[in-house]
Amino acid sequence: MTAPDQATAHAVATFVAHAGSHLPIPEYDGLVSTLAYPYSPPETDRGPLYRFTLHHVVTGVGPTELFRTTTEEL
């Protein structure tokens, strides 16, 4: 999902950061949270975003068959 402009993106990010930090945790009473942000403020304007979508489906292969894998003994 993308916003039509930077101001909207910033407003949504600010709201989500604030609301997310006050969501209740079922195991605790009250508004206790273990959410921490590495930066203050937690939302930072990063400029334009380009959407990239890849619609390929691969079936019948193992999890390592699509990538070159090298094993080295140390």
N, C-alpha and C. Protein backbone atom coordinates (compact mmCIF):
# COMPACT_ATOMS: atom_id res chain seq x y z
N MET A 1 0.85 -1.17 0.00
CA MET A 1 0.00 0.00 0.00
C MET A 1 0.89 1.24 0.00
N THR A 2 0.56 2.20 -0.81
CA THR A 2 1.29 3.45 -0.85
C THR A 2 0.32 4.61 -0.69
N ALA A 3 0.85 5.74 -0.27
CA ALA A 3 0.03 6.93 -0.10
C ALA A 3 0.14 7.81 -1.34
N PRO A 4 -0.87 8.63 -1.59
CA PRO A 4 -0.83 9.49 -2.77
C PRO A 4 0.20 10.62 -2.67
N ASP A 5 0.62 10.96 -1.43
CA ASP A 5 1.60 12.03 -1.27
C ASP A 5 2.35 11.84 0.05
N GLN A 6 3.44 12.57 0.21
CA GLN A 6 4.30 12.43 1.40
C GLN A 6 3.58 12.83 2.68
N ALA A 7 2.74 13.86 2.63
CA ALA A 7 2.02 14.30 3.83
C ALA A 7 1.09 13.21 4.35
N THR A 8 0.39 12.54 3.45
CA THR A 8 -0.51 11.46 3.86
C THR A 8 0.29 10.29 4.42
N ALA A 9 1.38 9.93 3.75
CA ALA A 9 2.23 8.83 4.22
C ALA A 9 2.75 9.13 5.63
N HIS A 10 3.18 10.35 5.86
CA HIS A 10 3.69 10.73 7.18
C HIS A 10 2.58 10.67 8.24
N ALA A 11 1.40 11.16 7.90
CA ALA A 11 0.28 11.13 8.85
C ALA A 11 -0.10 9.70 9.21
N VAL A 12 -0.14 8.82 8.23
CA VAL A 12 -0.48 7.41 8.49
C VAL A 12 0.61 6.76 9.34
N ALA A 13 1.87 6.99 9.01
CA ALA A 13 2.97 6.40 9.78
C ALA A 13 2.96 6.89 11.23
N THR A 14 2.68 8.17 11.43
CA THR A 14 2.61 8.72 12.78
C THR A 14 1.48 8.07 13.57
N PHE A 15 0.32 7.93 12.94
CA PHE A 15 -0.82 7.32 13.63
C PHE A 15 -0.54 5.87 13.97
N VAL A 16 -0.01 5.11 13.02
CA VAL A 16 0.25 3.68 13.24
C VAL A 16 1.30 3.49 14.34
N ALA A 17 2.35 4.30 14.34
CA ALA A 17 3.37 4.19 15.38
C ALA A 17 2.78 4.46 16.75
N HIS A 18 1.97 5.49 16.86
CA HIS A 18 1.36 5.83 18.15
C HIS A 18 0.34 4.78 18.58
N ALA A 19 -0.56 4.42 17.68
CA ALA A 19 -1.60 3.44 18.03
C ALA A 19 -0.98 2.07 18.33
N GLY A 20 0.02 1.68 17.56
CA GLY A 20 0.66 0.38 17.78
C GLY A 20 1.36 0.29 19.11
N SER A 21 1.87 1.40 19.61
CA SER A 21 2.57 1.36 20.89
C SER A 21 1.61 1.29 22.08
N HIS A 22 0.33 1.43 21.83
CA HIS A 22 -0.66 1.38 22.91
C HIS A 22 -1.63 0.21 22.79
N LEU A 23 -1.33 -0.74 21.91
CA LEU A 23 -2.21 -1.90 21.80
C LEU A 23 -2.06 -2.78 23.03
N PRO A 24 -3.15 -3.31 23.54
CA PRO A 24 -3.05 -4.16 24.73
C PRO A 24 -2.41 -5.51 24.41
N ILE A 25 -1.72 -6.06 25.39
CA ILE A 25 -1.15 -7.40 25.29
C ILE A 25 -2.02 -8.31 26.13
N PRO A 26 -2.57 -9.38 25.55
CA PRO A 26 -3.52 -10.22 26.28
C PRO A 26 -2.99 -10.77 27.60
N GLU A 27 -1.70 -11.02 27.71
CA GLU A 27 -1.14 -11.61 28.93
C GLU A 27 -1.02 -10.61 30.08
N TYR A 28 -1.17 -9.31 29.80
CA TYR A 28 -0.99 -8.28 30.82
C TYR A 28 -2.27 -7.49 31.01
N ASP A 29 -2.40 -6.89 32.18
CA ASP A 29 -3.51 -5.98 32.44
C ASP A 29 -3.07 -4.56 32.13
N GLY A 30 -3.95 -3.78 31.59
CA GLY A 30 -3.63 -2.39 31.29
C GLY A 30 -2.95 -2.24 29.95
N LEU A 31 -2.29 -1.11 29.75
CA LEU A 31 -1.64 -0.81 28.48
C LEU A 31 -0.13 -1.01 28.58
N VAL A 32 0.28 -2.22 28.91
CA VAL A 32 1.70 -2.54 28.99
C VAL A 32 2.15 -2.95 27.60
N SER A 33 3.28 -2.45 27.18
CA SER A 33 3.78 -2.77 25.85
C SER A 33 5.27 -3.06 25.90
N THR A 34 5.73 -3.93 25.01
CA THR A 34 7.16 -4.21 24.92
C THR A 34 7.72 -3.65 23.62
N LEU A 35 7.03 -2.70 23.02
CA LEU A 35 7.44 -2.10 21.77
C LEU A 35 8.46 -1.01 22.03
N ALA A 36 9.56 -1.06 21.29
CA ALA A 36 10.59 -0.02 21.41
C ALA A 36 10.98 0.45 20.02
N TYR A 37 11.28 1.70 19.88
CA TYR A 37 11.70 2.27 18.60
C TYR A 37 13.19 2.60 18.66
N PRO A 38 13.95 2.25 17.63
CA PRO A 38 15.37 2.59 17.66
C PRO A 38 15.64 4.06 17.35
N TYR A 39 14.64 4.78 16.85
CA TYR A 39 14.81 6.19 16.49
C TYR A 39 13.68 7.01 17.08
N SER A 40 13.93 8.28 17.26
CA SER A 40 12.90 9.17 17.73
C SER A 40 12.91 10.42 16.86
N PRO A 41 11.82 10.72 16.21
CA PRO A 41 10.53 10.03 16.18
C PRO A 41 10.63 8.73 15.37
N PRO A 42 9.71 7.79 15.60
CA PRO A 42 9.79 6.50 14.93
C PRO A 42 9.47 6.55 13.43
N GLU A 43 8.81 7.59 12.97
CA GLU A 43 8.52 7.69 11.54
C GLU A 43 9.48 8.68 10.90
N THR A 44 10.02 8.32 9.75
CA THR A 44 10.98 9.14 9.04
C THR A 44 10.58 9.22 7.58
N ASP A 45 10.51 10.40 7.03
CA ASP A 45 10.18 10.55 5.62
C ASP A 45 11.35 10.07 4.77
N ARG A 46 11.09 9.12 3.88
CA ARG A 46 12.15 8.52 3.07
C ARG A 46 12.05 8.87 1.60
N GLY A 47 11.03 9.62 1.20
CA GLY A 47 10.90 9.99 -0.20
C GLY A 47 10.06 8.99 -0.97
N PRO A 48 10.11 9.06 -2.31
CA PRO A 48 9.26 8.22 -3.15
C PRO A 48 9.56 6.73 -2.98
N LEU A 49 8.54 5.95 -3.15
CA LEU A 49 8.65 4.50 -3.09
C LEU A 49 8.22 3.93 -4.42
N TYR A 50 8.97 3.00 -4.92
CA TYR A 50 8.62 2.37 -6.18
C TYR A 50 8.15 0.96 -5.89
N ARG A 51 6.99 0.61 -6.39
CA ARG A 51 6.40 -0.69 -6.14
C ARG A 51 6.95 -1.69 -7.15
N PHE A 52 7.42 -2.81 -6.65
CA PHE A 52 7.91 -3.90 -7.49
C PHE A 52 7.12 -5.14 -7.11
N THR A 53 6.50 -5.76 -8.08
CA THR A 53 5.71 -6.95 -7.84
C THR A 53 6.17 -8.04 -8.78
N LEU A 54 6.40 -9.22 -8.24
CA LEU A 54 6.82 -10.36 -9.03
C LEU A 54 5.74 -11.43 -8.91
N HIS A 55 5.14 -11.79 -10.02
CA HIS A 55 4.07 -12.78 -10.01
C HIS A 55 4.56 -14.06 -10.68
N HIS A 56 5.36 -14.82 -9.98
CA HIS A 56 5.82 -16.11 -10.46
C HIS A 56 5.48 -17.15 -9.41
N VAL A 57 5.05 -18.30 -9.85
CA VAL A 57 4.75 -19.39 -8.94
C VAL A 57 5.67 -20.55 -9.30
N VAL A 58 6.36 -21.08 -8.32
CA VAL A 58 7.25 -22.21 -8.53
C VAL A 58 6.75 -23.35 -7.66
N THR A 59 6.53 -24.49 -8.28
CA THR A 59 6.06 -25.65 -7.52
C THR A 59 6.97 -26.84 -7.77
N GLY A 60 6.95 -27.77 -6.85
CA GLY A 60 7.65 -29.03 -7.03
C GLY A 60 9.16 -28.98 -6.87
N VAL A 61 9.67 -27.96 -6.20
CA VAL A 61 11.11 -27.88 -5.97
C VAL A 61 11.38 -27.76 -4.47
N GLY A 62 12.57 -28.16 -4.07
CA GLY A 62 12.96 -28.04 -2.67
C GLY A 62 13.34 -26.62 -2.33
N PRO A 63 13.48 -26.30 -1.06
CA PRO A 63 13.74 -24.93 -0.64
C PRO A 63 15.10 -24.39 -1.09
N THR A 64 16.06 -25.25 -1.44
CA THR A 64 17.38 -24.76 -1.85
C THR A 64 17.63 -24.94 -3.34
N GLU A 65 16.70 -25.47 -4.08
CA GLU A 65 16.91 -25.73 -5.51
C GLU A 65 16.91 -24.46 -6.37
N LEU A 66 16.34 -23.39 -5.90
CA LEU A 66 16.26 -22.17 -6.70
C LEU A 66 17.49 -21.28 -6.55
N PHE A 67 18.41 -21.63 -5.64
CA PHE A 67 19.55 -20.78 -5.35
C PHE A 67 20.84 -21.60 -5.39
N ARG A 68 21.91 -20.99 -5.86
CA ARG A 68 23.22 -21.65 -5.81
C ARG A 68 23.61 -21.77 -4.34
N THR A 69 24.01 -22.96 -3.93
CA THR A 69 24.37 -23.19 -2.55
C THR A 69 25.78 -23.79 -2.51
N THR A 70 26.62 -23.22 -1.68
CA THR A 70 27.98 -23.73 -1.49
C THR A 70 28.17 -24.03 -0.02
N THR A 71 28.68 -25.21 0.26
CA THR A 71 28.96 -25.60 1.64
C THR A 71 30.46 -25.70 1.81
N GLU A 72 30.99 -25.05 2.82
CA GLU A 72 32.42 -25.10 3.10
C GLU A 72 32.62 -25.62 4.51
N GLU A 73 33.56 -26.52 4.65
CA GLU A 73 33.89 -27.04 5.98
C GLU A 73 34.99 -26.17 6.58
N LEU A 74 34.77 -25.68 7.76
CA LEU A 74 35.75 -24.81 8.43
C LEU A 74 36.49 -25.55 9.50
